[in-house]
Amino acid sequence: MKQRRIVFVIFEGFQPLDLFGPHEVFQHADRLTGGYSCQITAPLPGPVRSRSGIPVHVPYGVADLDPAGIDTLVVAGGAGIDRARHDPVLTRWIATAGATARRVTSVCSGVFLLAAAGLLGGRRVTTHWAREEQLVREHPELVVDCDPIFLRDGHVWTSAGVTAGMDLALALVEDDLDREVAHAVAQEMVLFLRRPGSQSQFSVALWSAQPSSDPIRAVVTAIHSDPGTRHGIDDLAAHAGLSPRHLQRRFTAELGVPPATYVEGVRIEAAKRALAESTHPVETIARRYGFGTAETLRRAFHRHLGVAPSDYRDRFRSTKEYT
């Protein structure tokens, strides 16, 4: 098998997992197939200190590494990106390497280096949600979508922060080789969930606003404690001790979404967990979590996640440890 040359670009203040995570994915795939050769470069050779203080010895500065013949360029992110993207030597090398590479990729804020090198050209990209406003402000020519954990636009792949780089690398391995190899890598690395790029950086439990009053808090508790039960506006109003109209106004004001939207989001989160962690049929999960039928669950998944429940289960199913 012809080896694909993967080159990682780091800099002072890079996020270590943006390098180590994807690098390990490719290294594991190489041990299984012999399909990859990995190199690391930086503005200068020698020790490069990561954001957390861990130094990495880099054998090649960009002046020492031939930019021709690279299969996949992987640019890390990190707090040092704001200085690195103003390094003309580094950005020129990335521009040269990216012009002939089969694939150009970034992890987290590494997208800023790709943009500085002129490699994005109005493409749809993602990055860590905390950098979204900065990316939109500084690069209005890009279509920025910070909901997916990674996305592909042509030969350019971009990803959200830290562990999303491992999801991206698994997707690249699957694209190069096949799903079985990517799955074997995920099992070997004990990556329990292989997430598709359409998986959101956000979830109801982590990112919704929190209720500020006891009546709305009681409603939210009732929804989360049993997502599949009846949660019509009259039922929720009874939990709050408010009229349905008053609840609608209060709930929307405190949480930013109406009750029905919140209920559907919690039910989708519950169904996602059940699909990933159980073998129950889709129809059973749909009934258990308030969707009624498998078709209703399928429409909700397509609307929110862009995938069918069965496809979500295939990608997210927990791996089993065998002895």
Protein backbone atom coordinates (compact mmCIF):
# COMPACT_ATOMS: atom_id res chain seq x y z
CA MET A 1 0.00 0.00 0.00
CA LYS A 2 1.30 3.44 -0.91
CA GLN A 3 1.88 5.53 2.20
CA ARG A 4 0.06 8.83 2.51
CA ARG A 5 2.23 11.61 3.89
CA ILE A 6 0.50 13.45 6.74
CA VAL A 7 2.16 16.68 7.91
CA PHE A 8 1.13 18.37 11.17
CA VAL A 9 1.82 22.08 11.68
CA ILE A 10 2.29 23.38 15.23
CA PHE A 11 3.62 26.57 16.84
CA GLU A 12 4.35 28.04 20.26
CA GLY A 13 1.18 27.85 22.32
CA PHE A 14 -0.53 25.12 20.28
CA GLN A 15 -3.21 22.96 21.88
CA PRO A 16 -1.50 19.59 22.54
CA LEU A 17 -4.56 17.42 21.86
CA ASP A 18 -4.96 19.10 18.47
CA LEU A 19 -1.70 17.38 17.58
CA PHE A 20 -1.59 14.24 19.72
CA GLY A 21 -5.18 13.13 19.11
CA PRO A 22 -5.20 13.10 15.28
CA HIS A 23 -1.55 11.99 15.19
CA GLU A 24 -2.38 8.89 17.24
CA VAL A 25 -5.35 8.07 15.00
CA PHE A 26 -3.12 8.08 11.91
CA GLN A 27 -0.36 6.17 13.71
CA HIS A 28 -2.80 3.46 14.80
CA ALA A 29 -4.15 3.24 11.25
CA ASP A 30 -0.58 2.96 9.97
CA ARG A 31 0.17 0.07 12.31
CA LEU A 32 -2.90 -1.72 11.00
CA THR A 33 -2.38 -1.01 7.30
CA GLY A 34 1.01 0.63 6.68
CA GLY A 35 -0.92 3.42 4.98
CA TYR A 36 0.48 6.56 6.61
CA SER A 37 3.72 8.42 7.28
CA CYS A 38 3.46 11.26 9.78
CA GLN A 39 5.71 14.32 10.12
CA ILE A 40 5.55 17.34 12.41
CA THR A 41 6.78 20.81 11.50
CA ALA A 42 6.88 24.23 13.13
CA PRO A 43 8.34 27.63 12.28
CA LEU A 44 11.69 26.44 13.66
CA PRO A 45 13.04 23.00 14.58
CA GLY A 46 13.61 22.06 18.21
CA PRO A 47 11.39 22.25 21.28
CA VAL A 48 7.97 23.84 20.76
CA ARG A 49 6.04 24.58 23.93
CA SER A 50 2.34 23.77 23.95
CA ARG A 51 -0.35 25.83 25.60
CA SER A 52 -0.23 23.57 28.66
CA GLY A 53 3.54 23.80 28.87
CA ILE A 54 4.38 20.38 27.43
CA PRO A 55 7.29 20.76 25.00
CA VAL A 56 7.36 18.81 21.75
CA HIS A 57 10.64 18.30 19.93
CA VAL A 58 10.03 19.12 16.28
CA PRO A 59 12.60 17.66 13.88
CA TYR A 60 11.73 19.96 10.99
CA GLY A 61 11.32 23.69 10.71
CA VAL A 62 9.28 24.77 7.71
CA ALA A 63 12.47 25.80 5.93
CA ASP A 64 13.71 22.19 6.23
CA LEU A 65 10.59 20.37 5.08
CA ASP A 66 9.67 20.00 1.42
CA PRO A 67 6.09 21.25 0.99
CA ALA A 68 5.65 19.16 -2.16
CA GLY A 69 4.15 15.69 -2.04
CA ILE A 70 2.01 16.16 1.07
CA ASP A 71 -1.17 14.11 1.06
CA THR A 72 -2.88 15.73 4.06
CA LEU A 73 -1.90 18.95 5.83
CA VAL A 74 -3.18 19.16 9.42
CA VAL A 75 -2.92 22.56 11.13
CA ALA A 76 -3.36 22.59 14.90
CA GLY A 77 -5.03 25.34 16.89
CA GLY A 78 -4.41 26.82 20.30
CA ALA A 79 -3.91 30.07 22.14
CA GLY A 80 -0.76 30.79 20.13
CA ILE A 81 -2.68 30.94 16.86
CA ASP A 82 -3.09 34.72 17.02
CA ARG A 83 0.67 35.17 16.91
CA ALA A 84 1.37 32.29 14.52
CA ARG A 85 -0.98 33.53 11.82
CA HIS A 86 1.03 36.75 11.57
CA ASP A 87 4.27 34.84 10.92
CA PRO A 88 4.92 35.43 7.18
CA VAL A 89 7.39 32.54 6.87
CA LEU A 90 4.91 30.08 8.38
CA THR A 91 1.89 31.29 6.41
CA ARG A 92 3.84 31.26 3.12
CA TRP A 93 4.93 27.67 3.72
CA ILE A 94 1.36 26.62 4.58
CA ALA A 95 0.11 28.36 1.43
CA THR A 96 2.67 26.52 -0.71
CA ALA A 97 2.06 23.16 0.94
CA GLY A 98 -1.71 23.55 0.85
CA ALA A 99 -1.74 24.48 -2.83
CA THR A 100 -0.61 20.99 -3.84
CA ALA A 101 -1.80 18.83 -0.91
CA ARG A 102 -4.66 16.46 -1.65
CA ARG A 103 -6.37 17.56 1.57
CA VAL A 104 -6.05 20.61 3.78
CA THR A 105 -7.40 20.31 7.32
CA SER A 106 -7.49 22.24 10.58
CA VAL A 107 -8.32 21.48 14.17
CA CYS A 108 -10.03 24.12 16.31
CA SER A 109 -8.57 27.60 15.73
CA GLY A 110 -6.09 26.23 13.18
CA VAL A 111 -8.64 27.47 10.64
CA PHE A 112 -7.25 30.98 11.23
CA LEU A 113 -3.87 29.86 9.88
CA LEU A 114 -5.51 28.35 6.81
CA ALA A 115 -7.37 31.61 6.26
CA ALA A 116 -4.18 33.66 6.71
CA ALA A 117 -2.50 31.43 4.12
CA GLY A 118 -5.31 32.10 1.63
CA LEU A 119 -6.42 28.48 1.43
CA LEU A 120 -10.10 28.83 2.29
CA GLY A 121 -11.45 31.06 -0.47
CA GLY A 122 -15.03 31.54 0.71
CA ARG A 123 -15.53 27.96 1.84
CA ARG A 124 -17.88 26.72 4.54
CA VAL A 125 -15.81 26.08 7.67
CA THR A 126 -16.15 25.36 11.36
CA THR A 127 -14.06 25.98 14.46
CA HIS A 128 -14.48 25.89 18.23
CA TRP A 129 -17.68 27.69 19.21
CA ALA A 130 -15.73 30.17 21.37
CA ARG A 131 -13.90 31.44 18.25
CA GLU A 132 -16.98 31.78 16.05
CA GLU A 133 -17.54 35.52 16.46
CA GLN A 134 -13.86 36.27 15.85
CA LEU A 135 -13.77 34.16 12.71
CA VAL A 136 -16.93 35.77 11.33
CA ARG A 137 -15.65 39.25 12.12
CA GLU A 138 -12.16 38.81 10.70
CA HIS A 139 -13.06 36.66 7.70
CA PRO A 140 -16.43 37.76 6.31
CA GLU A 141 -15.59 35.96 3.06
CA LEU A 142 -16.05 32.60 4.82
CA VAL A 143 -19.28 30.77 5.54
CA VAL A 144 -18.84 29.98 9.23
CA ASP A 145 -20.96 27.22 10.78
CA CYS A 146 -19.96 26.36 14.33
CA ASP A 147 -22.63 23.78 14.97
CA PRO A 148 -20.96 20.69 13.40
CA ILE A 149 -17.95 19.10 15.08
CA PHE A 150 -16.31 18.88 11.68
CA LEU A 151 -17.27 19.51 8.10
CA ARG A 152 -15.91 19.11 4.59
CA ASP A 153 -16.02 21.59 1.73
CA GLY A 154 -14.22 20.09 -1.24
CA HIS A 155 -10.68 19.13 -0.26
CA VAL A 156 -10.79 21.34 2.85
CA TRP A 157 -11.84 19.76 6.16
CA THR A 158 -12.19 21.85 9.34
CA SER A 159 -13.11 20.78 12.85
CA ALA A 160 -14.13 22.08 16.25
CA GLY A 161 -11.91 21.99 19.29
CA VAL A 162 -9.65 19.42 20.88
CA THR A 163 -11.26 15.94 20.75
CA ALA A 164 -13.14 16.82 17.54
CA GLY A 165 -9.74 16.54 15.85
CA MET A 166 -9.80 12.81 16.60
CA ASP A 167 -13.28 12.51 15.07
CA LEU A 168 -11.97 14.33 12.01
CA ALA A 169 -8.94 12.05 11.75
CA LEU A 170 -11.16 8.95 11.99
CA ALA A 171 -13.30 10.34 9.18
CA LEU A 172 -10.18 10.91 7.08
CA VAL A 173 -9.02 7.34 7.71
CA GLU A 174 -12.46 6.08 6.70
CA ASP A 175 -12.32 8.25 3.58
CA ASP A 176 -8.88 6.88 2.67
CA LEU A 177 -9.29 3.23 3.57
CA ASP A 178 -12.67 1.97 4.69
CA ARG A 179 -15.08 1.97 7.56
CA GLU A 180 -13.74 -1.26 9.00
CA VAL A 181 -10.25 0.19 9.42
CA ALA A 182 -11.62 3.36 11.04
CA HIS A 183 -13.74 1.25 13.37
CA ALA A 184 -10.73 -0.91 14.27
CA VAL A 185 -8.75 2.23 15.11
CA ALA A 186 -11.59 3.53 17.25
CA GLN A 187 -11.77 0.23 19.13
CA GLU A 188 -8.01 0.05 19.63
CA MET A 189 -7.93 3.61 20.98
CA VAL A 190 -11.05 3.01 23.11
CA LEU A 191 -12.89 5.81 21.36
CA PHE A 192 -16.33 4.68 22.42
CA LEU A 193 -18.27 6.95 20.10
CA ARG A 194 -17.47 7.58 16.48
CA ARG A 195 -19.27 10.82 15.81
CA PRO A 196 -20.30 11.98 12.34
CA GLY A 197 -19.46 15.55 11.39
CA SER A 198 -23.11 16.55 11.65
CA GLN A 199 -23.05 15.92 15.38
CA SER A 200 -23.55 19.26 17.10
CA GLN A 201 -21.03 20.95 19.36
CA PHE A 202 -24.05 21.84 21.46
CA SER A 203 -26.61 19.89 23.47
CA VAL A 204 -29.68 20.79 25.48
CA ALA A 205 -28.19 19.65 28.76
CA LEU A 206 -24.99 21.67 28.39
CA TRP A 207 -25.94 24.77 26.47
CA SER A 208 -29.52 25.79 27.18
CA ALA A 209 -30.12 28.66 29.56
CA GLN A 210 -30.96 27.74 33.13
CA PRO A 211 -34.31 28.65 34.70
CA SER A 212 -34.23 31.54 37.14
CA SER A 213 -37.49 30.92 38.99
CA ASP A 214 -38.90 28.00 40.95
CA PRO A 215 -41.98 27.42 38.73
CA ILE A 216 -39.92 27.11 35.55
CA ARG A 217 -37.30 25.07 37.38
CA ALA A 218 -40.04 22.62 38.36
CA VAL A 219 -41.10 22.32 34.73
CA VAL A 220 -37.53 21.69 33.52
CA THR A 221 -37.01 19.06 36.23
CA ALA A 222 -40.20 17.28 35.19
CA ILE A 223 -39.16 17.23 31.53
CA HIS A 224 -35.69 15.83 32.23
CA SER A 225 -36.87 13.28 34.79
CA ASP A 226 -39.22 11.61 32.29
CA PRO A 227 -38.82 12.89 28.72
CA GLY A 228 -41.26 10.36 27.29
CA THR A 229 -44.32 11.21 29.33
CA ARG A 230 -47.00 13.71 28.28
CA HIS A 231 -45.55 17.21 28.26
CA GLY A 232 -48.27 19.26 26.63
CA ILE A 233 -48.63 22.88 27.65
CA ASP A 234 -51.44 22.03 30.09
CA ASP A 235 -49.36 19.30 31.74
CA LEU A 236 -46.35 21.61 32.12
CA ALA A 237 -48.51 24.45 33.41
CA ALA A 238 -49.76 22.14 36.16
CA HIS A 239 -46.15 21.48 37.25
CA ALA A 240 -45.50 25.22 37.38
CA GLY A 241 -48.77 26.19 39.03
CA LEU A 242 -49.30 28.74 36.26
CA SER A 243 -51.82 29.21 33.49
CA PRO A 244 -50.72 27.77 30.13
CA ARG A 245 -50.42 31.25 28.61
CA HIS A 246 -48.41 32.57 31.56
CA LEU A 247 -46.13 29.50 31.47
CA GLN A 248 -45.52 29.97 27.74
CA ARG A 249 -44.37 33.55 28.31
CA ARG A 250 -42.29 32.84 31.43
CA PHE A 251 -40.63 29.73 30.03
CA THR A 252 -39.65 31.42 26.76
CA ALA A 253 -38.34 34.49 28.60
CA GLU A 254 -36.18 32.45 30.98
CA LEU A 255 -34.87 29.73 28.64
CA GLY A 256 -34.95 31.44 25.27
CA VAL A 257 -37.12 28.79 23.59
CA PRO A 258 -40.80 27.85 23.95
CA PRO A 259 -41.70 24.78 26.03
CA ALA A 260 -42.48 22.55 23.02
CA THR A 261 -39.08 23.24 21.46
CA TYR A 262 -37.32 22.48 24.75
CA VAL A 263 -39.25 19.24 25.21
CA GLU A 264 -38.32 18.04 21.73
CA GLY A 265 -34.66 18.86 22.36
CA VAL A 266 -34.60 16.86 25.60
CA ARG A 267 -36.35 13.95 23.92
CA ILE A 268 -33.81 13.94 21.11
CA GLU A 269 -30.95 13.92 23.66
CA ALA A 270 -32.57 10.97 25.44
CA ALA A 271 -33.14 9.09 22.17
CA LYS A 272 -29.51 9.71 21.15
CA ARG A 273 -28.26 8.14 24.38
CA ALA A 274 -30.59 5.18 23.98
CA LEU A 275 -29.51 4.58 20.39
CA ALA A 276 -25.84 4.69 21.36
CA GLU A 277 -26.06 2.66 24.56
CA SER A 278 -28.78 0.07 23.95
CA THR A 279 -29.93 -2.42 21.34
CA HIS A 280 -33.62 -1.55 21.61
CA PRO A 281 -35.40 -1.20 18.26
CA VAL A 282 -35.88 2.32 16.94
CA GLU A 283 -39.65 1.91 17.23
CA THR A 284 -39.31 1.10 20.95
CA ILE A 285 -37.06 4.10 21.57
CA ALA A 286 -39.47 6.36 19.69
CA ARG A 287 -42.37 5.29 21.92
CA ARG A 288 -40.34 5.42 25.13
CA TYR A 289 -39.18 8.98 24.60
CA GLY A 290 -42.39 10.59 23.44
CA PHE A 291 -42.11 10.48 19.64
CA GLY A 292 -44.85 7.90 19.20
CA THR A 293 -43.60 6.31 15.99
CA ALA A 294 -40.25 5.56 14.38
CA GLU A 295 -41.21 7.83 11.47
CA THR A 296 -41.75 10.80 13.80
CA LEU A 297 -38.37 10.12 15.43
CA ARG A 298 -36.73 9.85 12.00
CA ARG A 299 -38.14 13.24 10.93
CA ALA A 300 -36.97 14.85 14.17
CA PHE A 301 -33.45 13.42 13.75
CA HIS A 302 -33.23 14.62 10.16
CA ARG A 303 -34.46 18.06 11.17
CA HIS A 304 -32.02 18.49 14.07
CA LEU A 305 -29.05 16.26 13.20
CA GLY A 306 -29.23 15.61 9.48
CA VAL A 307 -29.02 11.82 9.94
CA ALA A 308 -31.47 8.97 10.41
CA PRO A 309 -31.67 7.25 13.84
CA SER A 310 -30.22 4.05 12.37
CA ASP A 311 -27.25 5.96 10.90
CA TYR A 312 -26.74 7.73 14.23
CA ARG A 313 -26.69 4.37 16.01
CA ASP A 314 -24.16 2.96 13.54
CA ARG A 315 -21.79 5.87 14.16
CA PHE A 316 -22.34 6.28 17.89
CA ARG A 317 -22.75 2.76 19.19
CA SER A 318 -20.45 2.06 22.12
CA THR A 319 -17.66 -0.39 21.40
CA LYS A 320 -17.50 -3.47 23.64
CA GLU A 321 -14.40 -4.60 25.45
CA TYR A 322 -13.76 -8.30 24.84
CA THR A 323 -11.56 -10.53 26.98
